[in-house]
C-alpha atoms as a PDB file:
ATOM      1  CA  UNK A   1     136.756  17.172 148.219  1.00  0.00           C
ATOM      2  CA  UNK A   2     140.710  17.565 148.560  1.00  0.00           C
ATOM      3  CA  UNK A   3     142.264  21.134 148.772  1.00  0.00           C
ATOM      4  CA  UNK A   4     143.654  21.688 145.419  1.00  0.00           C
ATOM      5  CA  UNK A   5     143.896  25.702 144.905  1.00  0.00           C
ATOM      6  CA  UNK A   6     145.504  25.507 141.622  1.00  0.00           C
ATOM      7  CA  UNK A   7     142.990  23.443 140.002  1.00  0.00           C
ATOM      8  CA  UNK A   8     140.777  26.421 138.954  1.00  0.00           C
ATOM      9  CA  UNK A   9     143.737  28.018 137.448  1.00  0.00           C
ATOM     10  CA  UNK A  10     144.399  24.964 135.438  1.00  0.00           C
ATOM     11  CA  UNK A  11     140.763  24.720 134.376  1.00  0.00           C
ATOM     12  CA  UNK A  12     140.763  28.424 133.386  1.00  0.00           C
ATOM     13  CA  UNK A  13     143.968  28.248 131.313  1.00  0.00           C
ATOM     14  CA  UNK A  14     142.758  25.107 129.204  1.00  0.00           C
ATOM     15  CA  UNK A  15     139.337  26.647 128.477  1.00  0.00           C
ATOM     16  CA  UNK A  16     141.172  30.236 127.410  1.00  0.00           C
ATOM     17  CA  UNK A  17     143.182  27.954 125.184  1.00  0.00           C
ATOM     18  CA  UNK A  18     140.423  25.970 123.908  1.00  0.00           C
ATOM     19  CA  UNK A  19     138.260  28.970 123.469  1.00  0.00           C
ATOM     20  CA  UNK A  20     141.096  30.770 121.329  1.00  0.00           C
ATOM     21  CA  UNK A  21     141.198  27.721 119.470  1.00  0.00           C
ATOM     22  CA  UNK A  22     137.425  27.793 118.546  1.00  0.00           C
ATOM     23  CA  UNK A  23     136.585  31.137 118.316  1.00  0.00           C
ATOM     24  CA  UNK A  24     139.637  32.808 116.903  1.00  0.00           C
ATOM     25  CA  UNK A  25     141.106  29.771 114.504  1.00  0.00           C
ATOM     26  CA  UNK A  26     137.511  28.126 114.195  1.00  0.00           C
ATOM     27  CA  UNK A  27     134.976  30.749 113.856  1.00  0.00           C
ATOM     28  CA  UNK A  28     137.342  33.525 112.807  1.00  0.00           C
ATOM     29  CA  UNK A  29     136.184  35.978 115.456  1.00  0.00           C
ATOM     30  CA  UNK A  30     139.687  37.470 115.886  1.00  0.00           C
ATOM     31  CA  UNK A  31     140.092  39.792 119.005  1.00  0.00           C
ATOM     32  CA  UNK A  32     136.357  39.775 119.743  1.00  0.00           C
ATOM     33  CA  UNK A  33     136.847  35.936 120.099  1.00  0.00           C
ATOM     34  CA  UNK A  34     140.102  36.045 122.237  1.00  0.00           C
ATOM     35  CA  UNK A  35     138.244  38.295 124.541  1.00  0.00           C
ATOM     36  CA  UNK A  36     135.306  36.277 124.842  1.00  0.00           C
ATOM     37  CA  UNK A  37     137.417  33.506 125.719  1.00  0.00           C
ATOM     38  CA  UNK A  38     139.345  35.024 128.108  1.00  0.00           C
ATOM     39  CA  UNK A  39     136.231  36.265 130.111  1.00  0.00           C
ATOM     40  CA  UNK A  40     134.711  32.833 129.633  1.00  0.00           C
ATOM     41  CA  UNK A  41     137.698  31.165 131.451  1.00  0.00           C
ATOM     42  CA  UNK A  42     137.537  33.628 134.293  1.00  0.00           C
ATOM     43  CA  UNK A  43     134.140  33.097 134.651  1.00  0.00           C
ATOM     44  CA  UNK A  44     133.995  29.362 134.828  1.00  0.00           C
ATOM     45  CA  UNK A  45     137.156  29.628 137.272  1.00  0.00           C
ATOM     46  CA  UNK A  46     134.978  31.669 139.942  1.00  0.00           C
ATOM     47  CA  UNK A  47     132.154  29.521 139.606  1.00  0.00           C
ATOM     48  CA  UNK A  48     134.410  26.459 140.079  1.00  0.00           C
ATOM     49  CA  UNK A  49     136.118  28.252 143.221  1.00  0.00           C
ATOM     50  CA  UNK A  50     132.652  29.132 144.779  1.00  0.00           C
ATOM     51  CA  UNK A  51     131.605  25.436 144.271  1.00  0.00           C
ATOM     52  CA  UNK A  52     134.864  24.187 145.756  1.00  0.00           C
ATOM     53  CA  UNK A  53     134.572  26.707 149.109  1.00  0.00           C
ATOM     54  CA  UNK A  54     130.778  25.724 149.328  1.00  0.00           C
ATOM     55  CA  UNK A  55     131.584  21.896 149.389  1.00  0.00           C
ATOM     56  CA  UNK A  56     134.272  21.879 152.128  1.00  0.00           C
ATOM     57  CA  UNK A  57     134.614  23.378 155.940  1.00  0.00           C
ATOM     58  CA  UNK A  58     136.652  26.418 155.856  1.00  0.00           C
ATOM     59  CA  UNK A  59     139.298  27.019 158.491  1.00  0.00           C
ATOM     60  CA  UNK A  60     137.535  29.826 159.634  1.00  0.00           C
ATOM     61  CA  UNK A  61     134.404  31.545 160.610  1.00  0.00           C
ATOM     62  CA  UNK A  62     132.616  33.402 157.456  1.00  0.00           C
ATOM     63  CA  UNK A  63     129.091  34.929 157.219  1.00  0.00           C
ATOM     64  CA  UNK A  64     127.375  37.242 154.586  1.00  0.00           C
ATOM     65  CA  UNK A  65     127.462  39.807 157.266  1.00  0.00           C
ATOM     66  CA  UNK A  66     131.384  39.968 157.361  1.00  0.00           C
ATOM     67  CA  UNK A  67     131.087  41.371 153.633  1.00  0.00           C
ATOM     68  CA  UNK A  68     130.987  44.969 154.276  1.00  0.00           C
ATOM     69  CA  UNK A  69     133.139  48.467 153.731  1.00  0.00           C
ATOM     70  CA  UNK A  70     135.759  48.772 155.955  1.00  0.00           C
ATOM     71  CA  UNK A  71     137.019  52.311 155.762  1.00  0.00           C
ATOM     72  CA  UNK A  72     140.364  51.866 157.640  1.00  0.00           C
ATOM     73  CA  UNK A  73     141.082  48.360 155.753  1.00  0.00           C
ATOM     74  CA  UNK A  74     139.982  49.653 152.317  1.00  0.00           C
ATOM     75  CA  UNK A  75     142.182  52.755 152.885  1.00  0.00           C
ATOM     76  CA  UNK A  76     145.182  50.681 153.959  1.00  0.00           C
ATOM     77  CA  UNK A  77     144.667  48.477 151.024  1.00  0.00           C
ATOM     78  CA  UNK A  78     144.673  51.537 148.517  1.00  0.00           C
ATOM     79  CA  UNK A  79     147.597  52.788 150.183  1.00  0.00           C
ATOM     80  CA  UNK A  80     149.343  49.860 149.326  1.00  0.00           C
ATOM     81  CA  UNK A  81     147.819  49.160 145.841  1.00  0.00           C
ATOM     82  CA  UNK A  82     147.586  52.392 144.467  1.00  0.00           C
ATOM     83  CA  UNK A  83     151.663  52.551 144.290  1.00  0.00           C
ATOM     84  CA  UNK A  84     151.961  49.367 142.506  1.00  0.00           C
ATOM     85  CA  UNK A  85     149.103  49.888 140.007  1.00  0.00           C
ATOM     86  CA  UNK A  86     150.555  53.496 139.150  1.00  0.00           C
ATOM     87  CA  UNK A  87     154.058  51.845 138.681  1.00  0.00           C
ATOM     88  CA  UNK A  88     152.464  49.165 136.262  1.00  0.00           C
ATOM     89  CA  UNK A  89     150.734  51.745 134.141  1.00  0.00           C
ATOM     90  CA  UNK A  90     153.526  54.502 133.942  1.00  0.00           C
ATOM     91  CA  UNK A  91     156.100  51.796 133.369  1.00  0.00           C
ATOM     92  CA  UNK A  92     154.028  50.412 130.534  1.00  0.00           C
ATOM     93  CA  UNK A  93     153.168  53.914 129.203  1.00  0.00           C
ATOM     94  CA  UNK A  94     157.032  53.994 128.852  1.00  0.00           C
ATOM     95  CA  UNK A  95     157.265  50.901 127.056  1.00  0.00           C
ATOM     96  CA  UNK A  96     154.919  52.503 124.494  1.00  0.00           C
ATOM     97  CA  UNK A  97     157.009  55.687 124.305  1.00  0.00           C
ATOM     98  CA  UNK A  98     159.979  53.426 123.431  1.00  0.00           C
ATOM     99  CA  UNK A  99     157.788  51.670 120.903  1.00  0.00           C
ATOM    100  CA  UNK A 100     157.053  55.091 119.230  1.00  0.00           C
ATOM    101  CA  UNK A 101     160.651  55.884 119.011  1.00  0.00           C
ATOM    102  CA  UNK A 102     161.749  52.426 117.501  1.00  0.00           C
ATOM    103  CA  UNK A 103     158.549  52.910 114.910  1.00  0.00           C
ATOM    104  CA  UNK A 104     160.594  55.851 113.529  1.00  0.00           C
ATOM    105  CA  UNK A 105     163.782  53.717 112.492  1.00  0.00           C
ATOM    106  CA  UNK A 106     161.528  52.048 109.958  1.00  0.00           C
ATOM    107  CA  UNK A 107     159.564  48.795 109.451  1.00  0.00           C
ATOM    108  CA  UNK A 108     162.346  46.215 109.883  1.00  0.00           C
ATOM    109  CA  UNK A 109     163.530  47.711 113.143  1.00  0.00           C
ATOM    110  CA  UNK A 110     159.864  47.937 114.318  1.00  0.00           C
ATOM    111  CA  UNK A 111     159.231  44.408 113.388  1.00  0.00           C
ATOM    112  CA  UNK A 112     162.206  43.211 114.894  1.00  0.00           C
ATOM    113  CA  UNK A 113     161.366  44.742 118.406  1.00  0.00           C
ATOM    114  CA  UNK A 114     157.653  43.346 118.038  1.00  0.00           C
ATOM    115  CA  UNK A 115     159.284  39.966 117.614  1.00  0.00           C
ATOM    116  CA  UNK A 116     161.964  40.501 120.347  1.00  0.00           C
ATOM    117  CA  UNK A 117     159.179  41.479 122.771  1.00  0.00           C
ATOM    118  CA  UNK A 118     157.247  38.410 121.994  1.00  0.00           C
ATOM    119  CA  UNK A 119     160.480  36.390 123.103  1.00  0.00           C
ATOM    120  CA  UNK A 120     161.231  38.732 126.253  1.00  0.00           C
ATOM    121  CA  UNK A 121     157.325  37.966 127.244  1.00  0.00           C
ATOM    122  CA  UNK A 122     158.307  34.120 127.520  1.00  0.00           C
ATOM    123  CA  UNK A 123     161.719  35.098 129.031  1.00  0.00           C
ATOM    124  CA  UNK A 124     159.780  37.109 131.776  1.00  0.00           C
ATOM    125  CA  UNK A 125     157.739  34.318 132.936  1.00  0.00           C
ATOM    126  CA  UNK A 126     160.204  33.098 135.257  1.00  0.00           C
ATOM    127  CA  UNK A 127     161.292  36.155 137.164  1.00  0.00           C
ATOM    128  CA  UNK A 128     157.725  37.403 137.318  1.00  0.00           C
ATOM    129  CA  UNK A 129     156.654  34.166 138.935  1.00  0.00           C
ATOM    130  CA  UNK A 130     159.434  34.508 141.532  1.00  0.00           C
ATOM    131  CA  UNK A 131     158.517  38.214 142.132  1.00  0.00           C
ATOM    132  CA  UNK A 132     154.932  37.523 142.791  1.00  0.00           C
ATOM    133  CA  UNK A 133     155.429  34.066 144.840  1.00  0.00           C
ATOM    134  CA  UNK A 134     157.987  36.256 147.035  1.00  0.00           C
ATOM    135  CA  UNK A 135     155.586  39.076 147.644  1.00  0.00           C
ATOM    136  CA  UNK A 136     152.904  36.401 148.683  1.00  0.00           C
ATOM    137  CA  UNK A 137     155.643  34.346 150.918  1.00  0.00           C
ATOM    138  CA  UNK A 138     157.193  37.418 152.533  1.00  0.00           C
ATOM    139  CA  UNK A 139     153.793  38.980 153.441  1.00  0.00           C
ATOM    140  CA  UNK A 140     152.744  36.123 155.314  1.00  0.00           C
ATOM    141  CA  UNK A 141     155.875  35.437 157.203  1.00  0.00           C
ATOM    142  CA  UNK A 142     155.953  39.034 158.473  1.00  0.00           C
ATOM    143  CA  UNK A 143     152.231  38.684 159.077  1.00  0.00           C
ATOM    144  CA  UNK A 144     153.121  35.597 161.294  1.00  0.00           C
ATOM    145  CA  UNK A 145     155.845  37.752 163.058  1.00  0.00           C
ATOM    146  CA  UNK A 146     158.706  35.773 161.496  1.00  0.00           C
ATOM    147  CA  UNK A 147     160.986  38.279 159.395  1.00  0.00           C
ATOM    148  CA  UNK A 148     163.953  36.027 159.369  1.00  0.00           C
ATOM    149  CA  UNK A 149     162.041  33.500 157.076  1.00  0.00           C
ATOM    150  CA  UNK A 150     161.335  36.461 154.880  1.00  0.00           C
ATOM    151  CA  UNK A 151     165.083  37.375 154.625  1.00  0.00           C
ATOM    152  CA  UNK A 152     165.828  33.831 154.300  1.00  0.00           C
ATOM    153  CA  UNK A 153     163.276  33.471 151.085  1.00  0.00           C
ATOM    154  CA  UNK A 154     164.904  36.591 149.479  1.00  0.00           C
ATOM    155  CA  UNK A 155     168.310  34.882 149.597  1.00  0.00           C
ATOM    156  CA  UNK A 156     166.781  31.778 148.243  1.00  0.00           C
ATOM    157  CA  UNK A 157     165.059  33.336 145.616  1.00  0.00           C
ATOM    158  CA  UNK A 158     167.828  35.391 144.489  1.00  0.00           C
ATOM    159  CA  UNK A 159     170.211  32.406 144.247  1.00  0.00           C
ATOM    160  CA  UNK A 160     167.881  30.371 142.232  1.00  0.00           C
ATOM    161  CA  UNK A 161     166.535  32.872 140.098  1.00  0.00           C
ATOM    162  CA  UNK A 162     170.245  33.741 139.219  1.00  0.00           C
ATOM    163  CA  UNK A 163     170.666  30.393 137.847  1.00  0.00           C
ATOM    164  CA  UNK A 164     167.717  30.330 135.687  1.00  0.00           C
ATOM    165  CA  UNK A 165     168.592  33.871 134.411  1.00  0.00           C
ATOM    166  CA  UNK A 166     171.948  32.979 133.674  1.00  0.00           C
ATOM    167  CA  UNK A 167     170.773  29.885 131.442  1.00  0.00           C
ATOM    168  CA  UNK A 168     168.106  32.588 129.551  1.00  0.00           C
ATOM    169  CA  UNK A 169     170.946  34.967 129.539  1.00  0.00           C
ATOM    170  CA  UNK A 170     173.280  32.449 127.334  1.00  0.00           C
ATOM    171  CA  UNK A 171     170.200  31.156 125.233  1.00  0.00           C
ATOM    172  CA  UNK A 172     169.271  34.803 124.535  1.00  0.00           C
ATOM    173  CA  UNK A 173     172.605  35.931 123.557  1.00  0.00           C
ATOM    174  CA  UNK A 174     173.709  33.369 121.396  1.00  0.00           C
ATOM    175  CA  UNK A 175     170.631  31.720 120.159  1.00  0.00           C
ATOM    176  CA  UNK A 176     168.264  34.773 119.723  1.00  0.00           C
ATOM    177  CA  UNK A 177     167.757  34.318 116.617  1.00  0.00           C
ATOM    178  CA  UNK A 178     166.577  30.757 116.708  1.00  0.00           C
ATOM    179  CA  UNK A 179     163.955  32.187 119.580  1.00  0.00           C
ATOM    180  CA  UNK A 180     162.787  34.933 117.066  1.00  0.00           C
ATOM    181  CA  UNK A 181     162.546  32.424 114.322  1.00  0.00           C
ATOM    182  CA  UNK A 182     159.290  30.962 116.419  1.00  0.00           C
ATOM    183  CA  UNK A 183     157.643  34.375 115.358  1.00  0.00           C
ATOM    184  CA  UNK A 184     158.832  35.384 111.757  1.00  0.00           C
ATOM    185  CA  UNK A 185     160.286  33.981 109.059  1.00  0.00           C
ATOM    186  CA  UNK A 186     162.141  36.938 107.745  1.00  0.00           C
ATOM    187  CA  UNK A 187     165.665  36.901 108.035  1.00  0.00           C
ATOM    188  CA  UNK A 188     166.081  40.650 108.104  1.00  0.00           C
ATOM    189  CA  UNK A 189     163.345  40.866 111.099  1.00  0.00           C
ATOM    190  CA  UNK A 190     165.053  37.881 112.815  1.00  0.00           C
ATOM    191  CA  UNK A 191     168.370  39.484 112.619  1.00  0.00           C
ATOM    192  CA  UNK A 192     167.026  42.811 114.084  1.00  0.00           C
ATOM    193  CA  UNK A 193     165.209  40.749 116.991  1.00  0.00           C
ATOM    194  CA  UNK A 194     168.510  39.188 117.541  1.00  0.00           C
ATOM    195  CA  UNK A 195     170.190  42.280 117.915  1.00  0.00           C
ATOM    196  CA  UNK A 196     167.659  43.450 120.552  1.00  0.00           C
ATOM    197  CA  UNK A 197     168.008  40.167 122.618  1.00  0.00           C
ATOM    198  CA  UNK A 198     171.560  40.005 122.536  1.00  0.00           C
ATOM    199  CA  UNK A 199     171.109  43.372 124.661  1.00  0.00           C
ATOM    200  CA  UNK A 200     168.173  42.131 126.553  1.00  0.00           C
ATOM    201  CA  UNK A 201     170.169  39.008 127.413  1.00  0.00           C
ATOM    202  CA  UNK A 202     172.012  41.399 130.459  1.00  0.00           C
ATOM    203  CA  UNK A 203     168.770  42.116 131.314  1.00  0.00           C
ATOM    204  CA  UNK A 204     167.748  38.394 132.087  1.00  0.00           C
ATOM    205  CA  UNK A 205     170.640  38.757 134.647  1.00  0.00           C
ATOM    206  CA  UNK A 206     169.340  41.744 136.569  1.00  0.00           C
ATOM    207  CA  UNK A 207     165.780  40.995 136.815  1.00  0.00           C
ATOM    208  CA  UNK A 208     166.775  37.953 138.660  1.00  0.00           C
ATOM    209  CA  UNK A 209     167.822  40.307 141.328  1.00  0.00           C
ATOM    210  CA  UNK A 210     165.434  43.132 140.775  1.00  0.00           C
ATOM    211  CA  UNK A 211     161.985  40.935 140.582  1.00  0.00           C
ATOM    212  CA  UNK A 212     162.946  39.189 143.624  1.00  0.00           C
ATOM    213  CA  UNK A 213     163.930  42.393 145.552  1.00  0.00           C
ATOM    214  CA  UNK A 214     160.532  44.059 144.517  1.00  0.00           C
ATOM    215  CA  UNK A 215     158.430  41.205 145.655  1.00  0.00           C
ATOM    216  CA  UNK A 216     160.420  41.407 149.046  1.00  0.00           C
ATOM    217  CA  UNK A 217     159.797  45.000 149.506  1.00  0.00           C
ATOM    218  CA  UNK A 218     155.995  44.574 148.397  1.00  0.00           C
ATOM    219  CA  UNK A 219     155.779  41.791 150.881  1.00  0.00           C
ATOM    220  CA  UNK A 220     157.166  44.113 153.586  1.00  0.00           C
ATOM    221  CA  UNK A 221     154.458  47.034 152.377  1.00  0.00           C
ATOM    222  CA  UNK A 222     157.318  49.410 150.886  1.00  0.00           C
ATOM    223  CA  UNK A 223     155.203  49.910 147.746  1.00  0.00           C
ATOM    224  CA  UNK A 224     156.006  53.353 147.766  1.00  0.00           C
ATOM    225  CA  UNK A 225     159.468  52.728 147.573  1.00  0.00           C
ATOM    226  CA  UNK A 226     159.128  50.222 144.710  1.00  0.00           C
ATOM    227  CA  UNK A 227     157.114  52.681 142.638  1.00  0.00           C
ATOM    228  CA  UNK A 228     159.462  55.340 142.931  1.00  0.00           C
ATOM    229  CA  UNK A 229     162.400  52.750 142.053  1.00  0.00           C
ATOM    230  CA  UNK A 230     160.585  51.675 138.948  1.00  0.00           C
ATOM    231  CA  UNK A 231     159.641  55.302 137.915  1.00  0.00           C
ATOM    232  CA  UNK A 232     163.129  56.409 137.993  1.00  0.00           C
ATOM    233  CA  UNK A 233     164.361  53.408 136.147  1.00  0.00           C
ATOM    234  CA  UNK A 234     161.602  54.259 133.314  1.00  0.00           C
ATOM    235  CA  UNK A 235     161.829  57.897 132.984  1.00  0.00           C
ATOM    236  CA  UNK A 236     165.335  58.784 134.371  1.00  0.00           C
ATOM    237  CA  UNK A 237     167.361  56.099 132.325  1.00  0.00           C
ATOM    238  CA  UNK A 238     165.076  54.084 130.064  1.00  0.00           C
ATOM    239  CA  UNK A 239     163.389  56.601 128.031  1.00  0.00           C
ATOM    240  CA  UNK A 240     166.428  59.456 128.210  1.00  0.00           C
ATOM    241  CA  UNK A 241     168.982  56.703 126.595  1.00  0.00           C
ATOM    242  CA  UNK A 242     166.606  55.584 123.983  1.00  0.00           C
ATOM    243  CA  UNK A 243     165.992  59.112 123.189  1.00  0.00           C
ATOM    244  CA  UNK A 244     169.635  59.732 123.061  1.00  0.00           C
ATOM    245  CA  UNK A 245     170.646  56.913 120.855  1.00  0.00           C
ATOM    246  CA  UNK A 246     167.560  57.165 118.534  1.00  0.00           C
ATOM    247  CA  UNK A 247     168.355  57.211 114.661  1.00  0.00           C
ATOM    248  CA  UNK A 248     168.372  61.136 114.502  1.00  0.00           C
ATOM    249  CA  UNK A 249     170.836  61.439 117.080  1.00  0.00           C
ATOM    250  CA  UNK A 250     173.360  58.530 116.408  1.00  0.00           C
ATOM    251  CA  UNK A 251     176.280  59.750 113.884  1.00  0.00           C
ATOM    252  CA  UNK A 252     176.319  58.553 110.478  1.00  0.00           C
ATOM    253  CA  UNK A 253     179.428  56.288 110.726  1.00  0.00           C
ATOM    254  CA  UNK A 254     177.655  54.293 113.312  1.00  0.00           C
ATOM    255  CA  UNK A 255     174.554  53.757 111.575  1.00  0.00           C
ATOM    256  CA  UNK A 256     175.990  51.053 109.043  1.00  0.00           C
ATOM    257  CA  UNK A 257     177.377  49.235 112.231  1.00  0.00           C
ATOM    258  CA  UNK A 258     174.122  49.150 113.947  1.00  0.00           C
ATOM    259  CA  UNK A 259     172.272  47.801 111.166  1.00  0.00           C
ATOM    260  CA  UNK A 260     171.417  44.184 111.515  1.00  0.00           C
ATOM    261  CA  UNK A 261     172.582  41.450 109.364  1.00  0.00           C
ATOM    262  CA  UNK A 262     170.826  38.178 108.800  1.00  0.00           C
ATOM    263  CA  UNK A 263     172.097  35.242 110.609  1.00  0.00           C
ATOM    264  CA  UNK A 264     173.910  33.092 108.618  1.00  0.00           C
ATOM    265  CA  UNK A 265     172.047  30.179 108.996  1.00  0.00           C
ATOM    266  CA  UNK A 266     169.129  32.098 107.109  1.00  0.00           C
ATOM    267  CA  UNK A 267     170.893  33.907 104.279  1.00  0.00           C
END
C-alpha cells in the first residue's frame, strides 16, 4: 500500500460529517449525536492507521517491548507540553470572561459576538494550520541539526501567511456583514457581528506573524516563553481592555455611536 498519511484524516472527516448528518439531522440526537459521530470517526481513524502500519514495512525497528514508561523522556514531554496546554486552557478561559462581559451588553450584542466568533473560527483555520505545520517543520529541522532551514521556514511562513491574512482582512472589514449573514438572518445581529469583525480584521494581519512565531518557538522547545506571552496578552491586555470599554464604563455620549446599524442591503 502506498504511503498516504493523510488518508486517515480524510476518512475521519468524512465519517464525522456523515455521522453528524445521520445522527443529528436524521435521528435528532442533538449534542449526543454529534459527540457519538466524533468518537466513531476517531475510532475508525485509529483502526485504519493500525491496519496501514501492519501492512507495510516500517523504516525503523519496532517491537512490543519498545512500549514502556521512560521517566526521562516523559518528563521532557511534560516539560514541553504542560506550558502549551496551560496556555490553551487559560486563553480559552479569558475568552469566556470576555463573553460574560459581552453578555451584560444585552441579547443583540451577545448574539452578534456569537455569530462573529463562528466566522472567526473559519478565518483562523489558515493561521492555525501555519502554526502547527511550522512547529512540526522547525522541530524536525532542529532535530536534524539544520537550524538555518528552520529560520528560512519562518520567513517563508510569515510572508505567505501575511498574503492570506491581507485577503481575509479586506473581506472581514468590508464584507463582514455578508459573512455573518451565513449564520444569522437578523439584520441587527448581523450589524453587531460586522462591527466586531471590523476590529477583528486587524487581527487577521497580526496573527499571520504571531501564529508563525508561536509555531517556530514551539518547534525550538521554547514553550514556556510561548505560554508567558500568551498569558500576558490574554490577562494583561485582552481582558483589561474589554473591562475598561464595557457598557458600564463607556460614557453615555459614545453609546449611540457604538450602537450597531443594520447594513444597507438588509434594511
